[in-house]
């Protein structure tokens, strides 16, 4: 299973920049970019902070997708 997310879409709908979101949850803009591009898997604590800031349920923001063979 692969961890996927809808972070970019949700963040853009809320009219937040990567920098603004990062600053509000205590990480850098680069961390937000890496999460959006699936290069970094956030800790549960960070995922919860991001979901809370975006006012969305964590399971709507982050989800698992099965690997298709």
C-alpha atoms as a PDB file:
ATOM      1  CA  UNK A   1       0.000   0.000   0.000  1.00  0.00           C
ATOM      2  CA  UNK A   2       1.120   3.516  -0.797  1.00  0.00           C
ATOM      3  CA  UNK A   3       0.316   6.585   1.303  1.00  0.00           C
ATOM      4  CA  UNK A   4      -1.382   9.192  -0.889  1.00  0.00           C
ATOM      5  CA  UNK A   5      -2.807  12.616  -0.091  1.00  0.00           C
ATOM      6  CA  UNK A   6      -4.999  15.407  -1.375  1.00  0.00           C
ATOM      7  CA  UNK A   7      -2.920  18.079   0.336  1.00  0.00           C
ATOM      8  CA  UNK A   8      -2.203  20.247  -2.702  1.00  0.00           C
ATOM      9  CA  UNK A   9      -5.828  20.372  -3.823  1.00  0.00           C
ATOM     10  CA  UNK A  10      -7.184  21.093  -0.341  1.00  0.00           C
ATOM     11  CA  UNK A  11      -4.486  23.693   0.387  1.00  0.00           C
ATOM     12  CA  UNK A  12      -5.220  25.519  -2.868  1.00  0.00           C
ATOM     13  CA  UNK A  13      -8.984  25.504  -2.187  1.00  0.00           C
ATOM     14  CA  UNK A  14      -8.253  27.143   1.176  1.00  0.00           C
ATOM     15  CA  UNK A  15      -6.135  29.779  -0.626  1.00  0.00           C
ATOM     16  CA  UNK A  16      -3.010  28.970   1.371  1.00  0.00           C
ATOM     17  CA  UNK A  17       0.524  28.987  -0.002  1.00  0.00           C
ATOM     18  CA  UNK A  18       2.940  26.204   0.829  1.00  0.00           C
ATOM     19  CA  UNK A  19       4.876  28.692   2.931  1.00  0.00           C
ATOM     20  CA  UNK A  20       1.806  29.816   4.895  1.00  0.00           C
ATOM     21  CA  UNK A  21       0.726  26.256   5.609  1.00  0.00           C
ATOM     22  CA  UNK A  22       4.225  25.212   6.611  1.00  0.00           C
ATOM     23  CA  UNK A  23       4.634  28.159   8.966  1.00  0.00           C
ATOM     24  CA  UNK A  24       1.264  27.496  10.588  1.00  0.00           C
ATOM     25  CA  UNK A  25       2.149  23.873  11.410  1.00  0.00           C
ATOM     26  CA  UNK A  26       5.811  24.429  12.259  1.00  0.00           C
ATOM     27  CA  UNK A  27       7.593  23.070   9.183  1.00  0.00           C
ATOM     28  CA  UNK A  28       9.324  24.556   6.156  1.00  0.00           C
ATOM     29  CA  UNK A  29       7.833  25.188   2.734  1.00  0.00           C
ATOM     30  CA  UNK A  30      10.127  22.454   1.429  1.00  0.00           C
ATOM     31  CA  UNK A  31       8.493  19.926   3.777  1.00  0.00           C
ATOM     32  CA  UNK A  32       5.037  20.791   2.418  1.00  0.00           C
ATOM     33  CA  UNK A  33       6.353  20.469  -1.151  1.00  0.00           C
ATOM     34  CA  UNK A  34       7.851  17.066  -0.326  1.00  0.00           C
ATOM     35  CA  UNK A  35       4.594  15.812   1.190  1.00  0.00           C
ATOM     36  CA  UNK A  36       2.594  17.012  -1.827  1.00  0.00           C
ATOM     37  CA  UNK A  37       5.014  15.232  -4.191  1.00  0.00           C
ATOM     38  CA  UNK A  38       4.976  11.997  -2.131  1.00  0.00           C
ATOM     39  CA  UNK A  39       8.691  12.319  -1.308  1.00  0.00           C
ATOM     40  CA  UNK A  40       8.105  12.596   2.435  1.00  0.00           C
ATOM     41  CA  UNK A  41       5.644  10.784   4.672  1.00  0.00           C
ATOM     42  CA  UNK A  42       4.603  13.042   7.539  1.00  0.00           C
ATOM     43  CA  UNK A  43       4.510  11.829  11.110  1.00  0.00           C
ATOM     44  CA  UNK A  44       1.078  11.250  12.577  1.00  0.00           C
ATOM     45  CA  UNK A  45       1.495  14.404  14.664  1.00  0.00           C
ATOM     46  CA  UNK A  46       2.305  16.528  11.607  1.00  0.00           C
ATOM     47  CA  UNK A  47      -0.501  14.958   9.565  1.00  0.00           C
ATOM     48  CA  UNK A  48      -2.952  15.787  12.352  1.00  0.00           C
ATOM     49  CA  UNK A  49      -1.699  19.391  12.575  1.00  0.00           C
ATOM     50  CA  UNK A  50      -2.089  19.837   8.818  1.00  0.00           C
ATOM     51  CA  UNK A  51      -5.589  18.330   8.818  1.00  0.00           C
ATOM     52  CA  UNK A  52      -6.613  20.547  11.733  1.00  0.00           C
ATOM     53  CA  UNK A  53      -5.232  23.671  10.051  1.00  0.00           C
ATOM     54  CA  UNK A  54      -7.078  22.823   6.822  1.00  0.00           C
ATOM     55  CA  UNK A  55     -10.228  21.922   8.765  1.00  0.00           C
ATOM     56  CA  UNK A  56     -10.528  18.504   7.133  1.00  0.00           C
ATOM     57  CA  UNK A  57     -10.658  14.976   8.513  1.00  0.00           C
ATOM     58  CA  UNK A  58      -7.234  13.341   8.447  1.00  0.00           C
ATOM     59  CA  UNK A  59      -8.563  10.312   6.553  1.00  0.00           C
ATOM     60  CA  UNK A  60      -9.831  12.602   3.770  1.00  0.00           C
ATOM     61  CA  UNK A  61      -6.404  14.259   3.531  1.00  0.00           C
ATOM     62  CA  UNK A  62      -4.219  11.141   3.772  1.00  0.00           C
ATOM     63  CA  UNK A  63      -5.208   7.691   2.542  1.00  0.00           C
ATOM     64  CA  UNK A  64      -3.692   4.410   1.397  1.00  0.00           C
ATOM     65  CA  UNK A  65      -3.871   3.132  -2.152  1.00  0.00           C
ATOM     66  CA  UNK A  66      -3.160  -0.452  -3.100  1.00  0.00           C
ATOM     67  CA  UNK A  67      -0.258  -1.152  -5.422  1.00  0.00           C
ATOM     68  CA  UNK A  68      -1.588  -2.545  -8.680  1.00  0.00           C
ATOM     69  CA  UNK A  69       0.399  -5.352 -10.224  1.00  0.00           C
END
